[in-house]
Amino acid sequence: MIVELVYEWRREAQLRRVRHPRVLYVTDLVRCPLKRRFEILFPELASQDLMGPASVAGLLLHLGIESVVAEYAARRGYSVEAEVEVARVVRLSADEYVLSGRPDIVLRAGSEPPTVVEVKTSRSDASIPYGHHVLQVQLYAWMLNAKEALLIYVTPERIAEFSLSELGARRLTEADVVRLAEETVSAAKAPRYEWECRYCRYAVVCPRKVSASP
């Protein structure tokens, strides 16, 4: 029964995620741009990981942390929004796109600019924070004009919090975002990172798959 309920929850979430050719997700800008094309062309392949234990565990952990932060941050006077959808229009050279994203948590204190919080899980704490995760919270910070952005890692070794200001990560400009969007739409740089192909469900149909060195 419980497994069926979890499947229903995951299936409904997948059905709500309908791709539109003029909508770019924040995650599109930090990963291989061909994934966006393949999600439109081969939507059934996305269901392969629908009930992957690591994926489900990560999502449940997100929900748990969001619930805890919502309760305890509210006690400190914060207004808390979880999984709220945000969007901004990005004008490229040829077309206009909507950049859409769902930061895990947005904290607001009165009329001050918000703080963005993104939660990540990792099998190891080596090399965290990862560059593509930092870029993701930079994009959320740009979209919300946030005063700060926090990246939270939950690993078997530790729970670690990184702020963009402490990392020395600069604030993105609109030109930065337009460049990333152009790269994504044109698929000029695919894969964005060579390691992506090892974990990509679309590698079986991809003409640009990068094979690991023997």
N, C-alpha and C. Protein backbone atom coordinates (compact mmCIF):
# COMPACT_ATOMS: atom_id res chain seq x y z
N MET A 1 0.82 -1.22 0.00
CA MET A 1 0.00 0.00 0.00
C MET A 1 0.86 1.27 0.00
N ILE A 2 1.87 1.33 0.89
CA ILE A 2 2.68 2.54 1.02
C ILE A 2 3.48 2.78 -0.26
N VAL A 3 4.02 1.71 -0.82
CA VAL A 3 4.77 1.86 -2.06
C VAL A 3 3.87 2.40 -3.16
N GLU A 4 2.62 1.94 -3.18
CA GLU A 4 1.67 2.44 -4.18
C GLU A 4 1.40 3.92 -3.98
N LEU A 5 1.31 4.35 -2.72
CA LEU A 5 1.07 5.77 -2.44
C LEU A 5 2.27 6.62 -2.87
N VAL A 6 3.47 6.12 -2.60
CA VAL A 6 4.68 6.85 -3.02
C VAL A 6 4.74 6.94 -4.54
N TYR A 7 4.39 5.85 -5.21
CA TYR A 7 4.37 5.86 -6.68
C TYR A 7 3.35 6.89 -7.19
N GLU A 8 2.18 6.92 -6.56
CA GLU A 8 1.14 7.87 -6.99
C GLU A 8 1.64 9.31 -6.83
N TRP A 9 2.31 9.57 -5.72
CA TRP A 9 2.87 10.91 -5.47
C TRP A 9 3.90 11.28 -6.53
N ARG A 10 4.81 10.34 -6.85
CA ARG A 10 5.84 10.61 -7.84
C ARG A 10 5.24 10.76 -9.24
N ARG A 11 4.25 9.93 -9.54
CA ARG A 11 3.62 9.97 -10.85
C ARG A 11 2.89 11.29 -11.06
N GLU A 12 2.16 11.76 -10.06
CA GLU A 12 1.45 13.03 -10.17
C GLU A 12 2.43 14.19 -10.37
N ALA A 13 3.55 14.14 -9.68
CA ALA A 13 4.56 15.20 -9.83
C ALA A 13 5.10 15.21 -11.25
N GLN A 14 5.31 14.03 -11.82
CA GLN A 14 5.82 13.95 -13.19
C GLN A 14 4.80 14.49 -14.18
N LEU A 15 3.53 14.17 -13.98
CA LEU A 15 2.49 14.62 -14.90
C LEU A 15 2.33 16.14 -14.88
N ARG A 16 2.63 16.75 -13.73
CA ARG A 16 2.52 18.22 -13.64
C ARG A 16 3.66 18.92 -14.37
N ARG A 17 4.73 18.20 -14.60
CA ARG A 17 5.90 18.81 -15.23
C ARG A 17 5.78 18.67 -16.75
N VAL A 18 5.06 19.58 -17.35
CA VAL A 18 4.85 19.58 -18.80
C VAL A 18 5.78 20.62 -19.43
N ARG A 19 6.61 20.18 -20.35
CA ARG A 19 7.58 21.07 -20.96
C ARG A 19 6.92 21.94 -22.02
N HIS A 20 7.32 23.22 -22.04
CA HIS A 20 6.88 24.16 -23.06
C HIS A 20 8.12 24.66 -23.79
N PRO A 21 8.07 24.75 -25.12
CA PRO A 21 9.27 25.14 -25.87
C PRO A 21 9.80 26.53 -25.55
N ARG A 22 8.98 27.40 -24.98
CA ARG A 22 9.44 28.76 -24.67
C ARG A 22 9.68 28.96 -23.17
N VAL A 23 9.76 27.86 -22.44
CA VAL A 23 10.05 27.94 -21.01
C VAL A 23 11.36 27.22 -20.72
N LEU A 24 12.25 27.92 -20.05
CA LEU A 24 13.51 27.33 -19.59
C LEU A 24 13.45 27.20 -18.08
N TYR A 25 13.82 26.03 -17.57
CA TYR A 25 13.93 25.86 -16.13
C TYR A 25 15.32 26.25 -15.68
N VAL A 26 15.43 26.70 -14.44
CA VAL A 26 16.75 27.03 -13.90
C VAL A 26 17.69 25.84 -14.02
N THR A 27 17.17 24.64 -13.76
CA THR A 27 18.02 23.45 -13.87
C THR A 27 18.53 23.23 -15.29
N ASP A 28 17.79 23.71 -16.29
CA ASP A 28 18.26 23.59 -17.68
C ASP A 28 19.57 24.35 -17.88
N LEU A 29 19.73 25.45 -17.16
CA LEU A 29 20.89 26.32 -17.35
C LEU A 29 22.14 25.84 -16.62
N VAL A 30 22.00 24.80 -15.81
CA VAL A 30 23.16 24.32 -15.05
C VAL A 30 23.52 22.88 -15.40
N ARG A 31 22.91 22.34 -16.45
CA ARG A 31 23.17 20.95 -16.84
C ARG A 31 23.31 20.89 -18.36
N CYS A 32 23.51 19.69 -18.88
CA CYS A 32 23.62 19.51 -20.32
C CYS A 32 22.36 20.02 -21.02
N PRO A 33 22.50 20.93 -21.98
CA PRO A 33 21.31 21.49 -22.64
C PRO A 33 20.54 20.47 -23.47
N LEU A 34 21.17 19.37 -23.85
CA LEU A 34 20.45 18.37 -24.64
C LEU A 34 19.37 17.66 -23.81
N LYS A 35 19.51 17.68 -22.49
CA LYS A 35 18.47 17.06 -21.66
C LYS A 35 17.12 17.72 -21.88
N ARG A 36 17.15 19.03 -22.05
CA ARG A 36 15.89 19.75 -22.30
C ARG A 36 15.25 19.25 -23.58
N ARG A 37 16.04 19.11 -24.64
CA ARG A 37 15.51 18.61 -25.92
C ARG A 37 14.97 17.19 -25.77
N PHE A 38 15.73 16.35 -25.07
CA PHE A 38 15.32 14.95 -24.95
C PHE A 38 14.08 14.79 -24.08
N GLU A 39 13.91 15.66 -23.10
CA GLU A 39 12.69 15.60 -22.27
C GLU A 39 11.45 15.90 -23.11
N ILE A 40 11.62 16.74 -24.13
CA ILE A 40 10.51 17.04 -25.04
C ILE A 40 10.31 15.90 -26.04
N LEU A 41 11.41 15.38 -26.58
CA LEU A 41 11.33 14.34 -27.61
C LEU A 41 11.01 12.96 -27.05
N PHE A 42 11.58 12.64 -25.89
CA PHE A 42 11.45 11.29 -25.32
C PHE A 42 10.96 11.36 -23.87
N PRO A 43 9.74 11.85 -23.65
CA PRO A 43 9.26 12.03 -22.27
C PRO A 43 9.17 10.74 -21.47
N GLU A 44 8.96 9.61 -22.16
CA GLU A 44 8.81 8.34 -21.44
C GLU A 44 10.11 7.93 -20.73
N LEU A 45 11.25 8.33 -21.27
CA LEU A 45 12.51 7.95 -20.65
C LEU A 45 12.67 8.54 -19.26
N ALA A 46 11.99 9.65 -19.00
CA ALA A 46 12.08 10.27 -17.68
C ALA A 46 11.48 9.40 -16.59
N SER A 47 10.57 8.51 -16.97
CA SER A 47 9.90 7.66 -15.98
C SER A 47 10.81 6.56 -15.45
N GLN A 48 11.98 6.37 -16.07
CA GLN A 48 12.89 5.31 -15.62
C GLN A 48 13.31 5.50 -14.17
N ASP A 49 13.44 6.74 -13.74
CA ASP A 49 13.91 7.02 -12.38
C ASP A 49 12.77 7.42 -11.46
N LEU A 50 11.56 7.13 -11.85
CA LEU A 50 10.40 7.57 -11.08
C LEU A 50 10.43 7.05 -9.65
N MET A 51 10.84 5.79 -9.48
CA MET A 51 10.86 5.17 -8.16
C MET A 51 12.28 4.80 -7.74
N GLY A 52 13.27 5.45 -8.31
CA GLY A 52 14.65 5.19 -7.88
C GLY A 52 14.81 5.51 -6.40
N PRO A 53 15.31 4.57 -5.59
CA PRO A 53 15.39 4.79 -4.14
C PRO A 53 16.16 6.05 -3.76
N ALA A 54 17.28 6.31 -4.42
CA ALA A 54 18.07 7.50 -4.09
C ALA A 54 17.29 8.77 -4.39
N SER A 55 16.57 8.77 -5.51
CA SER A 55 15.77 9.93 -5.90
C SER A 55 14.63 10.17 -4.91
N VAL A 56 13.92 9.10 -4.56
CA VAL A 56 12.80 9.22 -3.63
C VAL A 56 13.30 9.66 -2.25
N ALA A 57 14.40 9.07 -1.79
CA ALA A 57 14.95 9.44 -0.48
C ALA A 57 15.35 10.91 -0.45
N GLY A 58 15.96 11.39 -1.53
CA GLY A 58 16.34 12.79 -1.59
C GLY A 58 15.15 13.73 -1.55
N LEU A 59 14.09 13.37 -2.26
CA LEU A 59 12.88 14.20 -2.26
C LEU A 59 12.22 14.22 -0.89
N LEU A 60 12.17 13.05 -0.23
CA LEU A 60 11.57 13.00 1.11
C LEU A 60 12.40 13.80 2.11
N LEU A 61 13.72 13.76 1.97
CA LEU A 61 14.57 14.55 2.85
C LEU A 61 14.31 16.04 2.64
N HIS A 62 14.15 16.44 1.38
CA HIS A 62 13.81 17.84 1.08
C HIS A 62 12.54 18.25 1.80
N LEU A 63 11.51 17.42 1.70
CA LEU A 63 10.24 17.74 2.33
C LEU A 63 10.39 17.87 3.84
N GLY A 64 11.20 16.99 4.44
CA GLY A 64 11.41 17.05 5.88
C GLY A 64 12.11 18.32 6.31
N ILE A 65 13.17 18.70 5.61
CA ILE A 65 13.89 19.92 5.96
C ILE A 65 13.02 21.14 5.75
N GLU A 66 12.27 21.16 4.65
CA GLU A 66 11.37 22.29 4.40
C GLU A 66 10.35 22.43 5.52
N SER A 67 9.84 21.32 6.02
CA SER A 67 8.86 21.36 7.11
C SER A 67 9.48 21.90 8.39
N VAL A 68 10.70 21.45 8.71
CA VAL A 68 11.38 21.91 9.92
C VAL A 68 11.69 23.40 9.83
N VAL A 69 12.24 23.82 8.69
CA VAL A 69 12.59 25.24 8.51
C VAL A 69 11.34 26.11 8.57
N ALA A 70 10.25 25.65 7.96
CA ALA A 70 9.01 26.43 7.96
C ALA A 70 8.53 26.68 9.39
N GLU A 71 8.62 25.66 10.24
CA GLU A 71 8.15 25.82 11.62
C GLU A 71 9.09 26.67 12.46
N TYR A 72 10.38 26.37 12.40
CA TYR A 72 11.30 27.03 13.32
C TYR A 72 11.74 28.41 12.83
N ALA A 73 11.80 28.64 11.54
CA ALA A 73 12.11 29.99 11.04
C ALA A 73 10.95 30.93 11.33
N ALA A 74 9.73 30.40 11.28
CA ALA A 74 8.56 31.23 11.60
C ALA A 74 8.62 31.70 13.05
N ARG A 75 9.16 30.88 13.94
CA ARG A 75 9.29 31.28 15.35
C ARG A 75 10.25 32.45 15.51
N ARG A 76 11.15 32.61 14.54
CA ARG A 76 12.11 33.71 14.58
C ARG A 76 11.62 34.92 13.79
N GLY A 77 10.38 34.87 13.36
CA GLY A 77 9.79 36.01 12.69
C GLY A 77 9.89 36.02 11.18
N TYR A 78 10.37 34.94 10.60
CA TYR A 78 10.47 34.87 9.15
C TYR A 78 9.16 34.41 8.52
N SER A 79 8.90 34.94 7.35
CA SER A 79 7.86 34.38 6.49
C SER A 79 8.54 33.36 5.59
N VAL A 80 7.97 32.16 5.53
CA VAL A 80 8.63 31.05 4.83
C VAL A 80 7.77 30.56 3.68
N GLU A 81 8.40 30.45 2.50
CA GLU A 81 7.74 29.86 1.34
C GLU A 81 8.58 28.67 0.89
N ALA A 82 7.93 27.54 0.65
CA ALA A 82 8.63 26.33 0.21
C ALA A 82 8.15 25.93 -1.18
N GLU A 83 9.12 25.58 -2.03
CA GLU A 83 8.81 25.12 -3.39
C GLU A 83 7.92 26.12 -4.15
N VAL A 84 8.17 27.40 -3.93
CA VAL A 84 7.37 28.42 -4.60
C VAL A 84 7.92 28.63 -6.01
N GLU A 85 7.04 28.73 -6.98
CA GLU A 85 7.48 28.91 -8.36
C GLU A 85 7.74 30.38 -8.64
N VAL A 86 8.91 30.66 -9.21
CA VAL A 86 9.27 32.03 -9.58
C VAL A 86 9.62 32.04 -11.06
N ALA A 87 9.44 33.19 -11.69
CA ALA A 87 9.69 33.27 -13.14
C ALA A 87 10.12 34.69 -13.51
N ARG A 88 10.99 34.76 -14.53
CA ARG A 88 11.39 36.04 -15.11
C ARG A 88 11.54 35.87 -16.61
N VAL A 89 11.24 36.91 -17.33
CA VAL A 89 11.38 36.89 -18.79
C VAL A 89 12.84 37.15 -19.15
N VAL A 90 13.34 36.34 -20.08
CA VAL A 90 14.71 36.50 -20.57
C VAL A 90 14.64 36.72 -22.08
N ARG A 91 15.16 37.82 -22.53
CA ARG A 91 15.12 38.15 -23.96
C ARG A 91 16.44 37.76 -24.62
N LEU A 92 16.37 36.77 -25.49
CA LEU A 92 17.54 36.33 -26.22
C LEU A 92 17.60 37.05 -27.56
N SER A 93 18.61 36.77 -28.35
CA SER A 93 18.80 37.49 -29.61
C SER A 93 17.65 37.25 -30.57
N ALA A 94 17.08 36.03 -30.56
CA ALA A 94 16.04 35.71 -31.53
C ALA A 94 14.65 35.63 -30.93
N ASP A 95 14.54 35.19 -29.68
CA ASP A 95 13.23 34.96 -29.08
C ASP A 95 13.20 35.40 -27.63
N GLU A 96 12.01 35.36 -27.08
CA GLU A 96 11.79 35.67 -25.68
C GLU A 96 11.40 34.38 -24.96
N TYR A 97 12.06 34.12 -23.83
CA TYR A 97 11.79 32.92 -23.05
C TYR A 97 11.40 33.30 -21.63
N VAL A 98 10.70 32.38 -20.98
CA VAL A 98 10.42 32.53 -19.55
C VAL A 98 11.37 31.61 -18.80
N LEU A 99 12.11 32.17 -17.87
CA LEU A 99 12.97 31.37 -17.00
C LEU A 99 12.19 31.06 -15.73
N SER A 100 11.99 29.78 -15.47
CA SER A 100 11.15 29.35 -14.35
C SER A 100 11.97 28.50 -13.38
N GLY A 101 11.69 28.66 -12.10
CA GLY A 101 12.40 27.87 -11.10
C GLY A 101 11.59 27.71 -9.83
N ARG A 102 12.00 26.73 -9.02
CA ARG A 102 11.33 26.46 -7.75
C ARG A 102 12.38 26.30 -6.66
N PRO A 103 12.86 27.40 -6.09
CA PRO A 103 13.81 27.27 -4.98
C PRO A 103 13.16 26.51 -3.83
N ASP A 104 13.98 25.74 -3.11
CA ASP A 104 13.43 24.92 -2.04
C ASP A 104 12.75 25.76 -0.97
N ILE A 105 13.44 26.82 -0.53
CA ILE A 105 12.90 27.65 0.55
C ILE A 105 13.24 29.11 0.26
N VAL A 106 12.29 29.99 0.51
CA VAL A 106 12.52 31.43 0.44
C VAL A 106 12.14 32.03 1.79
N LEU A 107 13.11 32.67 2.44
CA LEU A 107 12.89 33.30 3.75
C LEU A 107 12.76 34.80 3.57
N ARG A 108 11.74 35.36 4.19
CA ARG A 108 11.54 36.81 4.13
C ARG A 108 11.40 37.37 5.54
N ALA A 109 12.03 38.52 5.77
CA ALA A 109 11.93 39.22 7.05
C ALA A 109 11.46 40.64 6.77
N GLY A 110 10.17 40.87 6.96
CA GLY A 110 9.61 42.18 6.69
C GLY A 110 9.76 42.57 5.23
N SER A 111 10.22 43.80 5.00
CA SER A 111 10.34 44.31 3.64
C SER A 111 11.74 44.10 3.05
N GLU A 112 12.60 43.40 3.78
CA GLU A 112 13.96 43.18 3.29
C GLU A 112 13.95 42.21 2.11
N PRO A 113 14.97 42.29 1.25
CA PRO A 113 15.08 41.29 0.18
C PRO A 113 15.18 39.90 0.79
N PRO A 114 14.69 38.89 0.09
CA PRO A 114 14.63 37.55 0.67
C PRO A 114 15.98 36.84 0.70
N THR A 115 16.01 35.74 1.43
CA THR A 115 17.14 34.81 1.42
C THR A 115 16.67 33.52 0.78
N VAL A 116 17.43 33.03 -0.19
CA VAL A 116 17.09 31.80 -0.89
C VAL A 116 17.86 30.64 -0.25
N VAL A 117 17.18 29.52 -0.06
CA VAL A 117 17.80 28.33 0.52
C VAL A 117 17.59 27.15 -0.43
N GLU A 118 18.66 26.48 -0.79
CA GLU A 118 18.57 25.29 -1.63
C GLU A 118 19.21 24.12 -0.90
N VAL A 119 18.50 23.00 -0.86
CA VAL A 119 18.95 21.81 -0.13
C VAL A 119 19.43 20.76 -1.13
N LYS A 120 20.59 20.17 -0.83
CA LYS A 120 21.15 19.13 -1.69
C LYS A 120 21.57 17.93 -0.85
N THR A 121 21.46 16.75 -1.44
CA THR A 121 22.00 15.55 -0.83
C THR A 121 23.19 15.07 -1.65
N SER A 122 24.12 14.42 -0.99
CA SER A 122 25.30 13.92 -1.69
C SER A 122 25.80 12.67 -0.97
N ARG A 123 26.33 11.72 -1.74
CA ARG A 123 26.86 10.50 -1.15
C ARG A 123 28.18 10.74 -0.43
N SER A 124 28.82 11.84 -0.72
CA SER A 124 30.10 12.16 -0.10
C SER A 124 30.19 13.67 0.10
N ASP A 125 31.00 14.06 1.08
CA ASP A 125 31.18 15.50 1.29
C ASP A 125 32.44 16.01 0.60
N ALA A 126 33.11 15.15 -0.16
CA ALA A 126 34.31 15.58 -0.88
C ALA A 126 33.93 16.56 -1.99
N SER A 127 34.64 17.66 -2.03
CA SER A 127 34.51 18.67 -3.10
C SER A 127 33.24 19.50 -3.04
N ILE A 128 32.44 19.37 -1.98
CA ILE A 128 31.27 20.25 -1.89
C ILE A 128 31.72 21.63 -1.44
N PRO A 129 31.06 22.68 -1.92
CA PRO A 129 29.88 22.70 -2.79
C PRO A 129 30.28 22.52 -4.26
N TYR A 130 29.41 21.87 -5.01
CA TYR A 130 29.68 21.65 -6.43
C TYR A 130 29.33 22.90 -7.24
N GLY A 131 30.10 23.11 -8.29
CA GLY A 131 29.94 24.33 -9.07
C GLY A 131 28.56 24.52 -9.66
N HIS A 132 27.94 23.44 -10.16
CA HIS A 132 26.62 23.59 -10.78
C HIS A 132 25.55 23.89 -9.74
N HIS A 133 25.76 23.45 -8.50
CA HIS A 133 24.82 23.80 -7.43
C HIS A 133 24.96 25.27 -7.04
N VAL A 134 26.20 25.75 -6.99
CA VAL A 134 26.42 27.17 -6.70
C VAL A 134 25.77 28.03 -7.78
N LEU A 135 25.94 27.64 -9.03
CA LEU A 135 25.32 28.39 -10.13
C LEU A 135 23.80 28.39 -10.00
N GLN A 136 23.23 27.27 -9.58
CA GLN A 136 21.78 27.19 -9.42
C GLN A 136 21.27 28.21 -8.41
N VAL A 137 21.93 28.31 -7.25
CA VAL A 137 21.45 29.28 -6.26
C VAL A 137 21.78 30.71 -6.68
N GLN A 138 22.84 30.88 -7.45
CA GLN A 138 23.10 32.21 -8.01
C GLN A 138 21.95 32.65 -8.92
N LEU A 139 21.44 31.72 -9.70
CA LEU A 139 20.31 32.03 -10.59
C LEU A 139 19.06 32.36 -9.78
N TYR A 140 18.79 31.59 -8.74
CA TYR A 140 17.62 31.90 -7.89
C TYR A 140 17.77 33.27 -7.24
N ALA A 141 19.00 33.57 -6.79
CA ALA A 141 19.24 34.87 -6.16
C ALA A 141 18.99 36.00 -7.16
N TRP A 142 19.40 35.80 -8.41
CA TRP A 142 19.15 36.81 -9.44
C TRP A 142 17.66 36.97 -9.70
N MET A 143 16.94 35.87 -9.79
CA MET A 143 15.51 35.93 -10.10
C MET A 143 14.72 36.65 -9.02
N LEU A 144 15.14 36.47 -7.76
CA LEU A 144 14.39 37.03 -6.63
C LEU A 144 15.04 38.30 -6.07
N ASN A 145 16.16 38.71 -6.69
CA ASN A 145 16.91 39.85 -6.16
C ASN A 145 17.19 39.65 -4.68
N ALA A 146 17.65 38.45 -4.34
CA ALA A 146 17.85 38.06 -2.95
C ALA A 146 19.08 38.74 -2.36
N LYS A 147 19.02 38.97 -1.05
CA LYS A 147 20.19 39.56 -0.38
C LYS A 147 21.23 38.49 -0.07
N GLU A 148 20.79 37.23 0.04
CA GLU A 148 21.70 36.13 0.32
C GLU A 148 21.11 34.83 -0.21
N ALA A 149 21.97 33.87 -0.45
CA ALA A 149 21.54 32.54 -0.88
C ALA A 149 22.36 31.51 -0.13
N LEU A 150 21.68 30.51 0.39
CA LEU A 150 22.33 29.46 1.19
C LEU A 150 22.20 28.12 0.49
N LEU A 151 23.28 27.37 0.52
CA LEU A 151 23.31 26.03 -0.07
C LEU A 151 23.56 25.05 1.07
N ILE A 152 22.60 24.16 1.30
CA ILE A 152 22.67 23.20 2.40
C ILE A 152 22.93 21.81 1.84
N TYR A 153 23.97 21.15 2.35
CA TYR A 153 24.28 19.78 1.93
C TYR A 153 24.03 18.82 3.09
N VAL A 154 23.34 17.73 2.79
CA VAL A 154 23.17 16.64 3.75
C VAL A 154 23.89 15.43 3.18
N THR A 155 24.95 15.01 3.85
CA THR A 155 25.75 13.87 3.40
C THR A 155 25.89 12.89 4.57
N PRO A 156 26.38 11.67 4.32
CA PRO A 156 26.60 10.74 5.43
C PRO A 156 27.62 11.25 6.44
N GLU A 157 28.51 12.17 6.02
CA GLU A 157 29.57 12.66 6.90
C GLU A 157 29.18 13.92 7.68
N ARG A 158 28.36 14.77 7.07
CA ARG A 158 28.05 16.04 7.73
C ARG A 158 26.86 16.73 7.09
N ILE A 159 26.34 17.70 7.82
CA ILE A 159 25.36 18.63 7.28
C ILE A 159 26.06 19.99 7.23
N ALA A 160 26.21 20.53 6.03
CA ALA A 160 27.02 21.73 5.86
C ALA A 160 26.21 22.83 5.18
N GLU A 161 26.45 24.06 5.63
CA GLU A 161 25.77 25.23 5.07
C GLU A 161 26.80 26.16 4.45
N PHE A 162 26.56 26.54 3.21
CA PHE A 162 27.44 27.48 2.51
C PHE A 162 26.61 28.68 2.06
N SER A 163 27.13 29.86 2.27
CA SER A 163 26.47 31.06 1.75
C SER A 163 27.26 31.58 0.56
N LEU A 164 26.55 32.17 -0.39
CA LEU A 164 27.23 32.70 -1.57
C LEU A 164 28.22 33.79 -1.19
N SER A 165 27.87 34.58 -0.19
CA SER A 165 28.77 35.66 0.20
C SER A 165 30.07 35.10 0.79
N GLU A 166 29.97 34.05 1.60
CA GLU A 166 31.17 33.44 2.18
C GLU A 166 32.01 32.74 1.11
N LEU A 167 31.35 32.20 0.10
CA LEU A 167 32.07 31.53 -0.99
C LEU A 167 32.72 32.52 -1.94
N GLY A 168 32.33 33.78 -1.82
CA GLY A 168 32.86 34.79 -2.73
C GLY A 168 32.25 34.73 -4.11
N ALA A 169 31.09 34.07 -4.21
CA ALA A 169 30.42 33.96 -5.52
C ALA A 169 29.75 35.29 -5.85
N ARG A 170 30.05 35.81 -7.01
CA ARG A 170 29.51 37.12 -7.37
C ARG A 170 28.04 37.02 -7.77
N ARG A 171 27.38 38.13 -7.74
CA ARG A 171 25.98 38.19 -8.17
C ARG A 171 25.94 38.13 -9.70
N LEU A 172 25.02 37.35 -10.22
CA LEU A 172 24.87 37.26 -11.67
C LEU A 172 24.22 38.52 -12.21
N THR A 173 24.59 38.87 -13.42
CA THR A 173 23.94 39.97 -14.13
C THR A 173 22.97 39.39 -15.15
N GLU A 174 22.14 40.25 -15.70
CA GLU A 174 21.22 39.79 -16.75
C GLU A 174 22.00 39.25 -17.94
N ALA A 175 23.15 39.86 -18.24
CA ALA A 175 23.98 39.38 -19.35
C ALA A 175 24.47 37.95 -19.10
N ASP A 176 24.81 37.65 -17.85
CA ASP A 176 25.23 36.28 -17.50
C ASP A 176 24.11 35.29 -17.77
N VAL A 177 22.90 35.65 -17.35
CA VAL A 177 21.76 34.76 -17.51
C VAL A 177 21.41 34.58 -18.98
N VAL A 178 21.46 35.66 -19.74
CA VAL A 178 21.19 35.56 -21.19
C VAL A 178 22.21 34.64 -21.86
N ARG A 179 23.48 34.76 -21.48
CA ARG A 179 24.51 33.89 -22.06
C ARG A 179 24.21 32.42 -21.76
N LEU A 180 23.86 32.11 -20.51
CA LEU A 180 23.54 30.73 -20.14
C LEU A 180 22.32 30.22 -20.89
N ALA A 181 21.33 31.10 -21.04
CA ALA A 181 20.11 30.71 -21.76
C ALA A 181 20.41 30.47 -23.24
N GLU A 182 21.23 31.32 -23.84
CA GLU A 182 21.61 31.13 -25.24
C GLU A 182 22.35 29.80 -25.43
N GLU A 183 23.27 29.49 -24.52
CA GLU A 183 23.99 28.22 -24.60
C GLU A 183 23.04 27.03 -24.48
N THR A 184 22.02 27.19 -23.66
CA THR A 184 21.07 26.10 -23.45
C THR A 184 20.19 25.90 -24.67
N VAL A 185 19.66 26.97 -25.21
CA VAL A 185 18.76 26.87 -26.37
C VAL A 185 19.50 26.36 -27.60
N SER A 186 20.72 26.82 -27.79
CA SER A 186 21.49 26.41 -28.96
C SER A 186 22.18 25.07 -28.78
N ALA A 187 22.26 24.61 -27.52
CA ALA A 187 22.99 23.37 -27.20
C ALA A 187 24.42 23.43 -27.71
N ALA A 188 25.00 24.63 -27.64
CA ALA A 188 26.35 24.83 -28.15
C ALA A 188 27.39 24.09 -27.31
N LYS A 189 27.10 23.93 -26.02
CA LYS A 189 28.04 23.26 -25.13
C LYS A 189 27.35 22.06 -24.51
N ALA A 190 27.50 20.91 -25.17
CA ALA A 190 26.82 19.70 -24.69
C ALA A 190 27.78 18.51 -24.78
N PRO A 191 28.05 17.86 -23.66
CA PRO A 191 27.50 18.12 -22.32
C PRO A 191 28.14 19.37 -21.71
N ARG A 192 27.48 19.91 -20.72
CA ARG A 192 28.05 21.08 -20.03
C ARG A 192 29.24 20.64 -19.18
N TYR A 193 29.11 19.44 -18.58
CA TYR A 193 30.20 18.84 -17.81
C TYR A 193 30.37 17.40 -18.31
N GLU A 194 31.61 16.96 -18.47
CA GLU A 194 31.85 15.63 -19.02
C GLU A 194 31.28 14.52 -18.15
N TRP A 195 31.26 14.70 -16.84
CA TRP A 195 30.79 13.64 -15.93
C TRP A 195 29.29 13.39 -16.06
N GLU A 196 28.54 14.33 -16.65
CA GLU A 196 27.08 14.17 -16.73
C GLU A 196 26.66 12.91 -17.46
N CYS A 197 27.40 12.56 -18.50
CA CYS A 197 27.00 11.42 -19.35
C CYS A 197 26.93 10.11 -18.57
N ARG A 198 27.76 9.97 -17.53
CA ARG A 198 27.77 8.72 -16.76
C ARG A 198 26.47 8.50 -16.01
N TYR A 199 25.74 9.57 -15.74
CA TYR A 199 24.52 9.46 -14.93
C TYR A 199 23.26 9.80 -15.72
N CYS A 200 23.39 10.00 -17.02
CA CYS A 200 22.26 10.52 -17.81
C CYS A 200 21.41 9.39 -18.39
N ARG A 201 20.11 9.46 -18.15
CA ARG A 201 19.19 8.45 -18.68
C ARG A 201 19.04 8.56 -20.20
N TYR A 202 19.41 9.73 -20.74
CA TYR A 202 19.28 9.94 -22.18
C TYR A 202 20.55 9.57 -22.95
N ALA A 203 21.56 9.07 -22.26
CA ALA A 203 22.81 8.71 -22.93
C ALA A 203 22.58 7.65 -24.01
N VAL A 204 21.55 6.84 -23.85
CA VAL A 204 21.29 5.75 -24.82
C VAL A 204 20.82 6.28 -26.17
N VAL A 205 20.42 7.55 -26.24
CA VAL A 205 19.95 8.12 -27.50
C VAL A 205 20.75 9.37 -27.89
N CYS A 206 21.83 9.63 -27.17
CA CYS A 206 22.54 10.90 -27.35
C CYS A 206 23.71 10.79 -28.32
N PRO A 207 23.77 11.64 -29.34
CA PRO A 207 24.89 11.62 -30.29
C PRO A 207 26.15 12.26 -29.73
N ARG A 208 26.05 12.96 -28.59
CA ARG A 208 27.22 13.65 -28.04
C ARG A 208 27.70 13.01 -26.74
N LYS A 209 27.31 11.80 -26.51
CA LYS A 209 27.74 11.12 -25.28
C LYS A 209 29.26 11.08 -25.20
N VAL A 210 29.78 11.45 -24.04
CA VAL A 210 31.21 11.39 -23.79
C VAL A 210 31.50 10.13 -23.00
N SER A 211 32.24 9.21 -23.58
CA SER A 211 32.55 7.94 -22.92
C SER A 211 33.74 8.13 -21.98
N ALA A 212 33.69 7.40 -20.87
CA ALA A 212 34.80 7.47 -19.91
C ALA A 212 36.06 6.88 -20.52
N SER A 213 37.18 7.43 -20.14
CA SER A 213 38.46 6.92 -20.64
C SER A 213 38.72 5.53 -20.07
N PRO A 214 39.28 4.60 -20.87
CA PRO A 214 39.54 3.25 -20.38
C PRO A 214 40.63 3.25 -19.31
